[in-house]
Amino acid sequence: MHILVLHSDVPPDAPADEQDTLIAAEAVAEALQSRGHSVTQTPFRPDVRALKKMLGRERPDVVFNLVESVFGAGIYSSLAPAMLARLGVPYTGGTAAHFAATTDKPFAKNLLRAAGLPTPDWSVPPDWTSLAEDRTYIVKSADEDSSVGLDDDCIVKGVDVRARAEESTRHFGGRWFAESYVDGREFNIGVLQEKDGPRILPMAEMTFEEWPSDKPRIVGYTAKWADGSFDYNKTVRRFGVETDEPRLAGTLIDLCRRTWALFELTGYARIDFRVTEADEPLILEINPNPGIAPDAGFAAAGARAGLSYAELIERIVMAPLP
């Protein structure tokens, strides 16, 4: 097959989370070439005429969509699948509707709550309804991923939520909201579409090794992107909950399947959880097209399942094809 790897148009001075898209694009291209496919890479630009012309020239059998941001913002990530669908070109991963529904995190939480799926309480501006002044919250972006704006100071009491949200808006732009902070265990679980339905990959727990007692237990921006930092080195991915704690694993698997069905996800996704001291999993976020670089959690889960990186990438390519 001829596969077009379409990725974000990343400038040379872009931050590490955006540069990661280029690393993933190169790795995906090499993986597919190793499986005998012809591959072309190109950046996405939101110009219908240019995209149509380029697709006419390349004539790909499928597009591997790695567009995580447009104009440097994740909120516009739905543009690429929307335009590809409009042009009738098969592409990997989530649809425009998936990105629209899940990139808006408070909206996604509303859908989860309406479907009876557990998610932490939250509050949004400008009214900040149900915000409790003495409760602990994490102030996070309502429409960006990659842990943008998450640092040790994003965990605040309700009385300080407004100030933190306003500061984050000034610094990063966009919308910010408050979610009840669950000081518990964190699981990032990959789900892969296969012919007989979604496959739950081995479930990874993010552990906080040698973590100071006064330091918030979060996988913040530094933990994800500052290679060599304390946060980066001491947030460690662990597998084994399926054998060590089968009851908890069963609950997580059930919630992953129900979430996949609720959002009608396609291709591949990652669902993030926090687990309370009472072993109650709460859904934090749903990520269509999660990071797919070789060192990312999705690839690690695939390897744990016995899939080489090239096999994993090829399975993602085959999902949208009849």
C-alpha atoms as a PDB file:
ATOM      1  CA  MET A   1       0.000   0.000   0.000  1.00  0.00           C
ATOM      2  CA  HIS A   2       0.925   3.620  -0.387  1.00  0.00           C
ATOM      3  CA  ILE A   3       0.501   5.467   2.916  1.00  0.00           C
ATOM      4  CA  LEU A   4       0.645   9.196   3.460  1.00  0.00           C
ATOM      5  CA  VAL A   5       1.830  10.208   6.937  1.00  0.00           C
ATOM      6  CA  LEU A   6       0.138  13.542   7.609  1.00  0.00           C
ATOM      7  CA  HIS A   7       1.503  15.418  10.610  1.00  0.00           C
ATOM      8  CA  SER A   8       1.228  18.790  12.319  1.00  0.00           C
ATOM      9  CA  ASP A   9       3.044  21.683  10.675  1.00  0.00           C
ATOM     10  CA  VAL A  10       5.606  22.174  13.421  1.00  0.00           C
ATOM     11  CA  PRO A  11       7.983  25.175  13.353  1.00  0.00           C
ATOM     12  CA  PRO A  12      11.631  24.613  14.328  1.00  0.00           C
ATOM     13  CA  ASP A  13      11.244  26.584  17.569  1.00  0.00           C
ATOM     14  CA  ALA A  14       8.107  24.721  18.724  1.00  0.00           C
ATOM     15  CA  PRO A  15       8.046  23.310  22.292  1.00  0.00           C
ATOM     16  CA  ALA A  16       8.910  19.686  23.019  1.00  0.00           C
ATOM     17  CA  ASP A  17       5.317  18.420  22.985  1.00  0.00           C
ATOM     18  CA  GLU A  18       4.833  19.652  19.423  1.00  0.00           C
ATOM     19  CA  GLN A  19       8.252  18.433  18.249  1.00  0.00           C
ATOM     20  CA  ASP A  20       7.218  14.973  19.426  1.00  0.00           C
ATOM     21  CA  THR A  21       4.800  14.829  16.483  1.00  0.00           C
ATOM     22  CA  LEU A  22       7.717  14.940  14.048  1.00  0.00           C
ATOM     23  CA  ILE A  23       9.499  12.175  15.962  1.00  0.00           C
ATOM     24  CA  ALA A  24       6.351  10.068  15.747  1.00  0.00           C
ATOM     25  CA  ALA A  25       5.916  10.789  12.025  1.00  0.00           C
ATOM     26  CA  GLU A  26       9.446   9.644  11.239  1.00  0.00           C
ATOM     27  CA  ALA A  27       9.058   6.506  13.374  1.00  0.00           C
ATOM     28  CA  VAL A  28       5.690   5.634  11.818  1.00  0.00           C
ATOM     29  CA  ALA A  29       7.104   6.071   8.311  1.00  0.00           C
ATOM     30  CA  GLU A  30      10.102   3.841   9.079  1.00  0.00           C
ATOM     31  CA  ALA A  31       7.860   1.208  10.670  1.00  0.00           C
ATOM     32  CA  LEU A  32       5.552   1.054   7.666  1.00  0.00           C
ATOM     33  CA  GLN A  33       8.443   0.928   5.230  1.00  0.00           C
ATOM     34  CA  SER A  34       9.842  -2.012   7.173  1.00  0.00           C
ATOM     35  CA  ARG A  35       6.520  -3.792   6.533  1.00  0.00           C
ATOM     36  CA  GLY A  36       6.852  -3.278   2.790  1.00  0.00           C
ATOM     37  CA  HIS A  37       4.667  -0.189   2.323  1.00  0.00           C
ATOM     38  CA  SER A  38       5.597   2.927   0.365  1.00  0.00           C
ATOM     39  CA  VAL A  39       5.359   6.018   2.533  1.00  0.00           C
ATOM     40  CA  THR A  40       5.305   9.779   2.051  1.00  0.00           C
ATOM     41  CA  GLN A  41       5.390  12.356   4.858  1.00  0.00           C
ATOM     42  CA  THR A  42       3.907  15.827   4.647  1.00  0.00           C
ATOM     43  CA  PRO A  43       2.720  18.556   7.053  1.00  0.00           C
ATOM     44  CA  PHE A  44      -0.968  19.411   7.237  1.00  0.00           C
ATOM     45  CA  ARG A  45      -2.133  22.880   6.272  1.00  0.00           C
ATOM     46  CA  PRO A  46      -5.821  23.791   6.571  1.00  0.00           C
ATOM     47  CA  ASP A  47      -6.261  24.638   2.904  1.00  0.00           C
ATOM     48  CA  VAL A  48      -8.836  22.450   1.149  1.00  0.00           C
ATOM     49  CA  ARG A  49      -7.580  23.171  -2.358  1.00  0.00           C
ATOM     50  CA  ALA A  50      -3.965  22.465  -1.467  1.00  0.00           C
ATOM     51  CA  LEU A  51      -4.912  19.298   0.406  1.00  0.00           C
ATOM     52  CA  LYS A  52      -7.039  18.043  -2.480  1.00  0.00           C
ATOM     53  CA  LYS A  53      -4.239  18.759  -4.948  1.00  0.00           C
ATOM     54  CA  MET A  54      -1.677  16.993  -2.790  1.00  0.00           C
ATOM     55  CA  LEU A  55      -3.911  13.931  -2.299  1.00  0.00           C
ATOM     56  CA  GLY A  56      -4.536  13.803  -6.041  1.00  0.00           C
ATOM     57  CA  ARG A  57      -0.805  13.764  -6.631  1.00  0.00           C
ATOM     58  CA  GLU A  58       0.000  11.201  -3.919  1.00  0.00           C
ATOM     59  CA  ARG A  59      -3.111   9.007  -4.325  1.00  0.00           C
ATOM     60  CA  PRO A  60      -2.614   7.266  -0.948  1.00  0.00           C
ATOM     61  CA  ASP A  61      -4.498   4.113  -0.038  1.00  0.00           C
ATOM     62  CA  VAL A  62      -4.780   5.488   3.495  1.00  0.00           C
ATOM     63  CA  VAL A  63      -3.618   8.553   5.404  1.00  0.00           C
ATOM     64  CA  PHE A  64      -1.930   8.043   8.766  1.00  0.00           C
ATOM     65  CA  ASN A  65      -3.239  11.066  10.639  1.00  0.00           C
ATOM     66  CA  LEU A  66      -0.736  12.497  13.107  1.00  0.00           C
ATOM     67  CA  VAL A  67      -2.144  16.017  13.153  1.00  0.00           C
ATOM     68  CA  GLU A  68      -2.267  16.877  16.853  1.00  0.00           C
ATOM     69  CA  SER A  69      -2.524  20.646  16.472  1.00  0.00           C
ATOM     70  CA  VAL A  70      -3.287  23.300  13.875  1.00  0.00           C
ATOM     71  CA  PHE A  71      -2.072  26.905  14.261  1.00  0.00           C
ATOM     72  CA  GLY A  72      -0.203  25.533  17.300  1.00  0.00           C
ATOM     73  CA  ALA A  73      -3.414  24.655  19.153  1.00  0.00           C
ATOM     74  CA  GLY A  74      -4.963  21.250  19.840  1.00  0.00           C
ATOM     75  CA  ILE A  75      -8.486  22.664  19.779  1.00  0.00           C
ATOM     76  CA  TYR A  76      -8.249  22.682  15.960  1.00  0.00           C
ATOM     77  CA  SER A  77      -7.132  19.051  15.667  1.00  0.00           C
ATOM     78  CA  SER A  78     -10.524  18.039  14.257  1.00  0.00           C
ATOM     79  CA  LEU A  79      -9.819  19.969  11.040  1.00  0.00           C
ATOM     80  CA  ALA A  80      -7.622  17.277   9.505  1.00  0.00           C
ATOM     81  CA  PRO A  81     -10.039  14.330   9.874  1.00  0.00           C
ATOM     82  CA  ALA A  82     -12.953  16.590   8.885  1.00  0.00           C
ATOM     83  CA  MET A  83     -11.257  17.583   5.645  1.00  0.00           C
ATOM     84  CA  LEU A  84     -10.065  14.051   4.876  1.00  0.00           C
ATOM     85  CA  ALA A  85     -13.569  12.672   5.433  1.00  0.00           C
ATOM     86  CA  ARG A  86     -15.035  15.378   3.210  1.00  0.00           C
ATOM     87  CA  LEU A  87     -12.655  14.324   0.444  1.00  0.00           C
ATOM     88  CA  GLY A  88     -13.491  10.645   0.925  1.00  0.00           C
ATOM     89  CA  VAL A  89      -9.972   9.548   1.873  1.00  0.00           C
ATOM     90  CA  PRO A  90      -9.516   6.720   4.422  1.00  0.00           C
ATOM     91  CA  TYR A  91      -7.503   7.811   7.444  1.00  0.00           C
ATOM     92  CA  THR A  92      -6.373   6.344  10.731  1.00  0.00           C
ATOM     93  CA  GLY A  93      -7.660   7.048  14.213  1.00  0.00           C
ATOM     94  CA  GLY A  94     -10.395   9.307  15.490  1.00  0.00           C
ATOM     95  CA  THR A  95     -12.937  11.241  13.472  1.00  0.00           C
ATOM     96  CA  ALA A  96     -13.572  14.979  13.642  1.00  0.00           C
ATOM     97  CA  ALA A  97     -16.493  14.275  15.991  1.00  0.00           C
ATOM     98  CA  HIS A  98     -14.224  12.304  18.337  1.00  0.00           C
ATOM     99  CA  PHE A  99     -11.758  15.164  18.558  1.00  0.00           C
ATOM    100  CA  ALA A 100     -14.480  17.761  19.032  1.00  0.00           C
ATOM    101  CA  ALA A 101     -16.137  15.779  21.818  1.00  0.00           C
ATOM    102  CA  THR A 102     -13.010  14.791  23.733  1.00  0.00           C
ATOM    103  CA  THR A 103     -10.782  17.816  23.229  1.00  0.00           C
ATOM    104  CA  ASP A 104     -13.425  19.844  25.062  1.00  0.00           C
ATOM    105  CA  LYS A 105     -12.823  18.147  28.407  1.00  0.00           C
ATOM    106  CA  PRO A 106     -15.796  19.558  30.353  1.00  0.00           C
ATOM    107  CA  PHE A 107     -18.086  18.546  27.481  1.00  0.00           C
ATOM    108  CA  ALA A 108     -16.625  15.022  27.498  1.00  0.00           C
ATOM    109  CA  LYS A 109     -17.151  14.847  31.259  1.00  0.00           C
ATOM    110  CA  ASN A 110     -20.778  15.845  30.783  1.00  0.00           C
ATOM    111  CA  LEU A 111     -21.224  12.940  28.369  1.00  0.00           C
ATOM    112  CA  LEU A 112     -19.532  10.548  30.796  1.00  0.00           C
ATOM    113  CA  ARG A 113     -21.664  11.704  33.720  1.00  0.00           C
ATOM    114  CA  ALA A 114     -24.890  11.498  31.654  1.00  0.00           C
ATOM    115  CA  ALA A 115     -24.011   7.909  30.691  1.00  0.00           C
ATOM    116  CA  GLY A 116     -23.437   6.928  34.313  1.00  0.00           C
ATOM    117  CA  LEU A 117     -19.671   6.623  33.935  1.00  0.00           C
ATOM    118  CA  PRO A 118     -17.548   7.832  36.887  1.00  0.00           C
ATOM    119  CA  THR A 119     -15.530  11.026  36.521  1.00  0.00           C
ATOM    120  CA  PRO A 120     -14.332  13.528  39.140  1.00  0.00           C
ATOM    121  CA  ASP A 121     -16.547  16.517  39.897  1.00  0.00           C
ATOM    122  CA  TRP A 122     -15.660  19.719  38.071  1.00  0.00           C
ATOM    123  CA  SER A 123     -16.497  23.378  37.748  1.00  0.00           C
ATOM    124  CA  VAL A 124     -16.240  25.795  34.824  1.00  0.00           C
ATOM    125  CA  PRO A 125     -16.141  29.586  34.455  1.00  0.00           C
ATOM    126  CA  PRO A 126     -17.638  32.108  34.527  1.00  0.00           C
ATOM    127  CA  ASP A 127     -20.104  30.935  37.170  1.00  0.00           C
ATOM    128  CA  TRP A 128     -17.884  28.254  38.764  1.00  0.00           C
ATOM    129  CA  THR A 129     -21.015  26.441  39.888  1.00  0.00           C
ATOM    130  CA  SER A 130     -20.537  23.989  42.799  1.00  0.00           C
ATOM    131  CA  LEU A 131     -16.973  25.128  43.427  1.00  0.00           C
ATOM    132  CA  ALA A 132     -16.190  24.447  47.108  1.00  0.00           C
ATOM    133  CA  GLU A 133     -13.700  26.845  48.646  1.00  0.00           C
ATOM    134  CA  ASP A 134     -12.112  24.269  50.979  1.00  0.00           C
ATOM    135  CA  ARG A 135     -11.903  21.454  48.409  1.00  0.00           C
ATOM    136  CA  THR A 136      -8.710  20.654  46.480  1.00  0.00           C
ATOM    137  CA  TYR A 137      -8.780  21.036  42.691  1.00  0.00           C
ATOM    138  CA  ILE A 138      -6.489  20.672  39.708  1.00  0.00           C
ATOM    139  CA  VAL A 139      -6.811  23.601  37.315  1.00  0.00           C
ATOM    140  CA  LYS A 140      -6.321  22.320  33.783  1.00  0.00           C
ATOM    141  CA  SER A 141      -6.836  23.329  30.188  1.00  0.00           C
ATOM    142  CA  ALA A 142     -10.326  22.678  28.891  1.00  0.00           C
ATOM    143  CA  ASP A 143      -9.165  22.248  25.304  1.00  0.00           C
ATOM    144  CA  GLU A 144      -5.457  21.316  25.153  1.00  0.00           C
ATOM    145  CA  ASP A 145      -3.579  18.085  25.862  1.00  0.00           C
ATOM    146  CA  SER A 146       0.081  17.208  26.512  1.00  0.00           C
ATOM    147  CA  SER A 147      -0.223  18.408  30.138  1.00  0.00           C
ATOM    148  CA  VAL A 148       0.137  22.030  29.045  1.00  0.00           C
ATOM    149  CA  GLY A 149       0.072  24.244  32.139  1.00  0.00           C
ATOM    150  CA  LEU A 150       0.256  21.398  34.634  1.00  0.00           C
ATOM    151  CA  ASP A 151       2.918  22.055  37.258  1.00  0.00           C
ATOM    152  CA  ASP A 152       3.205  21.855  41.047  1.00  0.00           C
ATOM    153  CA  ASP A 153       1.152  25.029  41.431  1.00  0.00           C
ATOM    154  CA  CYS A 154      -1.883  23.823  39.464  1.00  0.00           C
ATOM    155  CA  ILE A 155      -3.202  22.003  42.558  1.00  0.00           C
ATOM    156  CA  VAL A 156      -5.107  24.599  44.589  1.00  0.00           C
ATOM    157  CA  LYS A 157      -7.930  25.038  47.039  1.00  0.00           C
ATOM    158  CA  GLY A 158     -11.276  26.147  45.658  1.00  0.00           C
ATOM    159  CA  VAL A 159     -10.790  29.658  46.981  1.00  0.00           C
ATOM    160  CA  ASP A 160      -7.742  30.026  44.689  1.00  0.00           C
ATOM    161  CA  VAL A 161      -9.187  28.399  41.548  1.00  0.00           C
ATOM    162  CA  ARG A 162     -10.281  31.608  39.840  1.00  0.00           C
ATOM    163  CA  ALA A 163      -6.891  33.265  40.238  1.00  0.00           C
ATOM    164  CA  ARG A 164      -5.060  30.207  38.925  1.00  0.00           C
ATOM    165  CA  ALA A 165      -7.409  29.876  35.952  1.00  0.00           C
ATOM    166  CA  GLU A 166      -7.026  33.559  35.079  1.00  0.00           C
ATOM    167  CA  GLU A 167      -3.237  33.308  35.320  1.00  0.00           C
ATOM    168  CA  SER A 168      -3.228  30.232  33.053  1.00  0.00           C
ATOM    169  CA  THR A 169      -5.432  31.969  30.501  1.00  0.00           C
ATOM    170  CA  ARG A 170      -3.079  34.957  30.417  1.00  0.00           C
ATOM    171  CA  HIS A 171      -0.020  32.742  29.993  1.00  0.00           C
ATOM    172  CA  PHE A 172      -1.305  30.004  27.685  1.00  0.00           C
ATOM    173  CA  GLY A 173      -4.561  31.323  26.285  1.00  0.00           C
ATOM    174  CA  GLY A 174      -7.637  29.145  25.845  1.00  0.00           C
ATOM    175  CA  ARG A 175     -10.160  27.978  28.418  1.00  0.00           C
ATOM    176  CA  TRP A 176      -9.388  26.559  31.877  1.00  0.00           C
ATOM    177  CA  PHE A 177     -11.523  24.689  34.381  1.00  0.00           C
ATOM    178  CA  ALA A 178     -11.238  23.046  37.787  1.00  0.00           C
ATOM    179  CA  GLU A 179     -11.489  19.317  38.416  1.00  0.00           C
ATOM    180  CA  SER A 180     -11.589  17.752  41.867  1.00  0.00           C
ATOM    181  CA  TYR A 181      -8.088  16.489  42.582  1.00  0.00           C
ATOM    182  CA  VAL A 182      -7.893  12.769  43.276  1.00  0.00           C
ATOM    183  CA  ASP A 183      -4.687  12.045  45.167  1.00  0.00           C
ATOM    184  CA  GLY A 184      -4.669   8.411  44.096  1.00  0.00           C
ATOM    185  CA  ARG A 185      -3.194   5.989  41.609  1.00  0.00           C
ATOM    186  CA  GLU A 186      -3.045   6.876  37.901  1.00  0.00           C
ATOM    187  CA  PHE A 187      -3.625   4.499  34.991  1.00  0.00           C
ATOM    188  CA  ASN A 188      -3.172   5.251  31.277  1.00  0.00           C
ATOM    189  CA  ILE A 189      -4.864   2.531  29.248  1.00  0.00           C
ATOM    190  CA  GLY A 190      -4.483   2.022  25.514  1.00  0.00           C
ATOM    191  CA  VAL A 191      -7.320   0.637  23.413  1.00  0.00           C
ATOM    192  CA  LEU A 192      -6.757  -0.689  19.888  1.00  0.00           C
ATOM    193  CA  GLN A 193      -9.477  -1.313  17.304  1.00  0.00           C
ATOM    194  CA  GLU A 194      -9.448  -4.816  15.883  1.00  0.00           C
ATOM    195  CA  LYS A 195     -11.833  -6.647  13.571  1.00  0.00           C
ATOM    196  CA  ASP A 196     -13.794  -8.194  16.443  1.00  0.00           C
ATOM    197  CA  GLY A 197     -13.945  -4.996  18.521  1.00  0.00           C
ATOM    198  CA  PRO A 198     -11.729  -2.889  20.794  1.00  0.00           C
ATOM    199  CA  ARG A 199      -8.741  -4.603  22.385  1.00  0.00           C
ATOM    200  CA  ILE A 200      -7.673  -3.370  25.807  1.00  0.00           C
ATOM    201  CA  LEU A 201      -3.882  -3.355  25.825  1.00  0.00           C
ATOM    202  CA  PRO A 202      -1.906  -4.179  28.980  1.00  0.00           C
ATOM    203  CA  MET A 203      -2.771  -1.497  31.490  1.00  0.00           C
ATOM    204  CA  ALA A 204      -0.043   0.866  32.642  1.00  0.00           C
ATOM    205  CA  GLU A 205       0.077   2.495  36.053  1.00  0.00           C
ATOM    206  CA  MET A 206       2.132   5.661  36.377  1.00  0.00           C
ATOM    207  CA  THR A 207       4.011   5.465  39.667  1.00  0.00           C
ATOM    208  CA  PHE A 208       5.776   8.277  41.494  1.00  0.00           C
ATOM    209  CA  GLU A 209       9.120   6.971  42.719  1.00  0.00           C
ATOM    210  CA  GLU A 210      10.976   8.680  45.610  1.00  0.00           C
ATOM    211  CA  TRP A 211       8.371  11.440  45.399  1.00  0.00           C
ATOM    212  CA  PRO A 212       8.520  14.164  48.079  1.00  0.00           C
ATOM    213  CA  SER A 213       5.488  14.042  50.340  1.00  0.00           C
ATOM    214  CA  ASP A 214       4.682  17.713  49.698  1.00  0.00           C
ATOM    215  CA  LYS A 215       4.905  17.425  45.900  1.00  0.00           C
ATOM    216  CA  PRO A 216       1.644  16.851  43.955  1.00  0.00           C
ATOM    217  CA  ARG A 217       1.457  13.394  42.405  1.00  0.00           C
ATOM    218  CA  ILE A 218       0.684  14.397  38.822  1.00  0.00           C
ATOM    219  CA  VAL A 219       2.179  13.610  35.428  1.00  0.00           C
ATOM    220  CA  GLY A 220       2.721  17.251  34.561  1.00  0.00           C
ATOM    221  CA  TYR A 221       4.385  18.951  31.616  1.00  0.00           C
ATOM    222  CA  THR A 222       7.890  18.518  33.026  1.00  0.00           C
ATOM    223  CA  ALA A 223       7.303  14.804  33.680  1.00  0.00           C
ATOM    224  CA  LYS A 224       6.280  14.303  30.073  1.00  0.00           C
ATOM    225  CA  TRP A 225       8.683  16.531  28.188  1.00  0.00           C
ATOM    226  CA  ALA A 226      11.706  17.650  30.263  1.00  0.00           C
ATOM    227  CA  ASP A 227      14.066  14.768  29.546  1.00  0.00           C
ATOM    228  CA  GLY A 228      16.462  14.254  32.473  1.00  0.00           C
ATOM    229  CA  SER A 229      14.406  16.178  35.028  1.00  0.00           C
ATOM    230  CA  PHE A 230      13.406  14.700  38.389  1.00  0.00           C
ATOM    231  CA  ASP A 231       9.747  14.541  37.334  1.00  0.00           C
ATOM    232  CA  TYR A 232      10.637  12.852  34.031  1.00  0.00           C
ATOM    233  CA  ASN A 233      12.894  10.252  35.653  1.00  0.00           C
ATOM    234  CA  LYS A 234      10.718   9.493  38.675  1.00  0.00           C
ATOM    235  CA  THR A 235       7.344   8.994  36.986  1.00  0.00           C
ATOM    236  CA  VAL A 236       7.699   5.331  36.096  1.00  0.00           C
ATOM    237  CA  ARG A 237       5.348   3.192  34.025  1.00  0.00           C
ATOM    238  CA  ARG A 238       4.458  -0.155  35.617  1.00  0.00           C
ATOM    239  CA  PHE A 239       2.463  -3.056  34.199  1.00  0.00           C
ATOM    240  CA  GLY A 240       0.865  -6.046  35.931  1.00  0.00           C
ATOM    241  CA  VAL A 241      -2.432  -4.938  37.450  1.00  0.00           C
ATOM    242  CA  GLU A 242      -4.245  -7.697  35.528  1.00  0.00           C
ATOM    243  CA  THR A 243      -2.464 -10.412  37.522  1.00  0.00           C
ATOM    244  CA  ASP A 244      -1.805  -8.489  40.746  1.00  0.00           C
ATOM    245  CA  GLU A 245      -5.274  -6.988  41.219  1.00  0.00           C
ATOM    246  CA  PRO A 246      -7.758  -8.794  38.946  1.00  0.00           C
ATOM    247  CA  ARG A 247     -10.844  -7.163  40.482  1.00  0.00           C
ATOM    248  CA  LEU A 248      -9.543  -3.633  39.863  1.00  0.00           C
ATOM    249  CA  ALA A 249      -8.343  -4.672  36.409  1.00  0.00           C
ATOM    250  CA  GLY A 250     -11.786  -6.021  35.555  1.00  0.00           C
ATOM    251  CA  THR A 251     -13.408  -2.727  36.539  1.00  0.00           C
ATOM    252  CA  LEU A 252     -10.917  -0.736  34.468  1.00  0.00           C
ATOM    253  CA  ILE A 253     -11.463  -2.973  31.440  1.00  0.00           C
ATOM    254  CA  ASP A 254     -15.228  -2.616  31.719  1.00  0.00           C
ATOM    255  CA  LEU A 255     -14.990   1.171  31.954  1.00  0.00           C
ATOM    256  CA  CYS A 256     -12.664   1.302  28.941  1.00  0.00           C
ATOM    257  CA  ARG A 257     -15.096  -0.730  26.850  1.00  0.00           C
ATOM    258  CA  ARG A 258     -18.070   1.380  27.937  1.00  0.00           C
ATOM    259  CA  THR A 259     -16.197   4.606  27.215  1.00  0.00           C
ATOM    260  CA  TRP A 260     -15.131   3.352  23.777  1.00  0.00           C
ATOM    261  CA  ALA A 261     -18.748   2.468  23.008  1.00  0.00           C
ATOM    262  CA  LEU A 262     -20.137   5.753  24.360  1.00  0.00           C
ATOM    263  CA  PHE A 263     -17.907   7.901  22.164  1.00  0.00           C
ATOM    264  CA  GLU A 264     -18.000   5.366  19.286  1.00  0.00           C
ATOM    265  CA  LEU A 265     -14.225   5.573  19.075  1.00  0.00           C
ATOM    266  CA  THR A 266     -12.229   4.202  16.164  1.00  0.00           C
ATOM    267  CA  GLY A 267      -8.624   3.255  15.473  1.00  0.00           C
ATOM    268  CA  TYR A 268      -6.822   3.698  18.770  1.00  0.00           C
ATOM    269  CA  ALA A 269      -7.255   5.705  21.939  1.00  0.00           C
ATOM    270  CA  ARG A 270      -5.986   6.149  25.470  1.00  0.00           C
ATOM    271  CA  ILE A 271      -8.238   6.497  28.490  1.00  0.00           C
ATOM    272  CA  ASP A 272      -6.764   8.023  31.641  1.00  0.00           C
ATOM    273  CA  PHE A 273      -7.950   7.157  35.150  1.00  0.00           C
ATOM    274  CA  ARG A 274      -7.347   8.054  38.751  1.00  0.00           C
ATOM    275  CA  VAL A 275      -8.187   5.417  41.344  1.00  0.00           C
ATOM    276  CA  THR A 276      -9.327   6.499  44.801  1.00  0.00           C
ATOM    277  CA  GLU A 277      -8.184   4.971  48.088  1.00  0.00           C
ATOM    278  CA  ALA A 278     -11.412   2.909  47.964  1.00  0.00           C
ATOM    279  CA  ASP A 279     -10.277   1.397  44.626  1.00  0.00           C
ATOM    280  CA  GLU A 280     -12.887   3.375  42.687  1.00  0.00           C
ATOM    281  CA  PRO A 281     -11.627   4.282  39.194  1.00  0.00           C
ATOM    282  CA  LEU A 282     -12.601   7.704  37.892  1.00  0.00           C
ATOM    283  CA  ILE A 283     -12.213   8.646  34.219  1.00  0.00           C
ATOM    284  CA  LEU A 284     -10.106  11.764  33.728  1.00  0.00           C
ATOM    285  CA  GLU A 285      -9.768  12.105  29.956  1.00  0.00           C
ATOM    286  CA  ILE A 286     -10.303  10.329  26.651  1.00  0.00           C
ATOM    287  CA  ASN A 287      -7.539  10.740  24.072  1.00  0.00           C
ATOM    288  CA  PRO A 288      -8.193   9.729  20.456  1.00  0.00           C
ATOM    289  CA  ASN A 289      -4.924   9.376  18.531  1.00  0.00           C
ATOM    290  CA  PRO A 290      -2.702   9.421  21.652  1.00  0.00           C
ATOM    291  CA  GLY A 291       1.058   9.822  21.355  1.00  0.00           C
ATOM    292  CA  ILE A 292       2.413   7.057  19.144  1.00  0.00           C
ATOM    293  CA  ALA A 293       6.185   7.683  19.232  1.00  0.00           C
ATOM    294  CA  PRO A 294       8.248   4.572  20.055  1.00  0.00           C
ATOM    295  CA  ASP A 295       8.871   5.761  23.631  1.00  0.00           C
ATOM    296  CA  ALA A 296       5.229   6.661  24.299  1.00  0.00           C
ATOM    297  CA  GLY A 297       2.911   4.731  26.578  1.00  0.00           C
ATOM    298  CA  PHE A 298       0.785   3.338  23.752  1.00  0.00           C
ATOM    299  CA  ALA A 299       3.811   1.727  22.097  1.00  0.00           C
ATOM    300  CA  ALA A 300       4.964   0.383  25.472  1.00  0.00           C
ATOM    301  CA  ALA A 301       1.557  -1.233  26.016  1.00  0.00           C
ATOM    302  CA  GLY A 302       1.701  -2.737  22.532  1.00  0.00           C
ATOM    303  CA  ALA A 303       5.122  -4.197  23.258  1.00  0.00           C
ATOM    304  CA  ARG A 304       3.815  -5.642  26.516  1.00  0.00           C
ATOM    305  CA  ALA A 305       1.059  -7.297  24.442  1.00  0.00           C
ATOM    306  CA  GLY A 306       3.689  -8.897  22.209  1.00  0.00           C
ATOM    307  CA  LEU A 307       3.347  -6.499  19.291  1.00  0.00           C
ATOM    308  CA  SER A 308       6.446  -5.018  17.728  1.00  0.00           C
ATOM    309  CA  TYR A 309       6.273  -1.307  16.990  1.00  0.00           C
ATOM    310  CA  ALA A 310       5.924  -1.995  13.262  1.00  0.00           C
ATOM    311  CA  GLU A 311       3.121  -4.507  13.872  1.00  0.00           C
ATOM    312  CA  LEU A 312       1.274  -2.047  16.076  1.00  0.00           C
ATOM    313  CA  ILE A 313       1.505   0.737  13.500  1.00  0.00           C
ATOM    314  CA  GLU A 314       0.360  -1.572  10.701  1.00  0.00           C
ATOM    315  CA  ARG A 315      -2.681  -2.656  12.729  1.00  0.00           C
ATOM    316  CA  ILE A 316      -3.647   0.981  13.178  1.00  0.00           C
ATOM    317  CA  VAL A 317      -3.359   1.444   9.404  1.00  0.00           C
ATOM    318  CA  MET A 318      -5.569  -1.554   8.672  1.00  0.00           C
ATOM    319  CA  ALA A 319      -8.408  -0.486  11.012  1.00  0.00           C
ATOM    320  CA  PRO A 320     -10.111   2.023   8.655  1.00  0.00           C
ATOM    321  CA  LEU A 321      -9.880  -0.250   5.617  1.00  0.00           C
ATOM    322  CA  PRO A 322     -12.676  -2.655   4.579  1.00  0.00           C
END
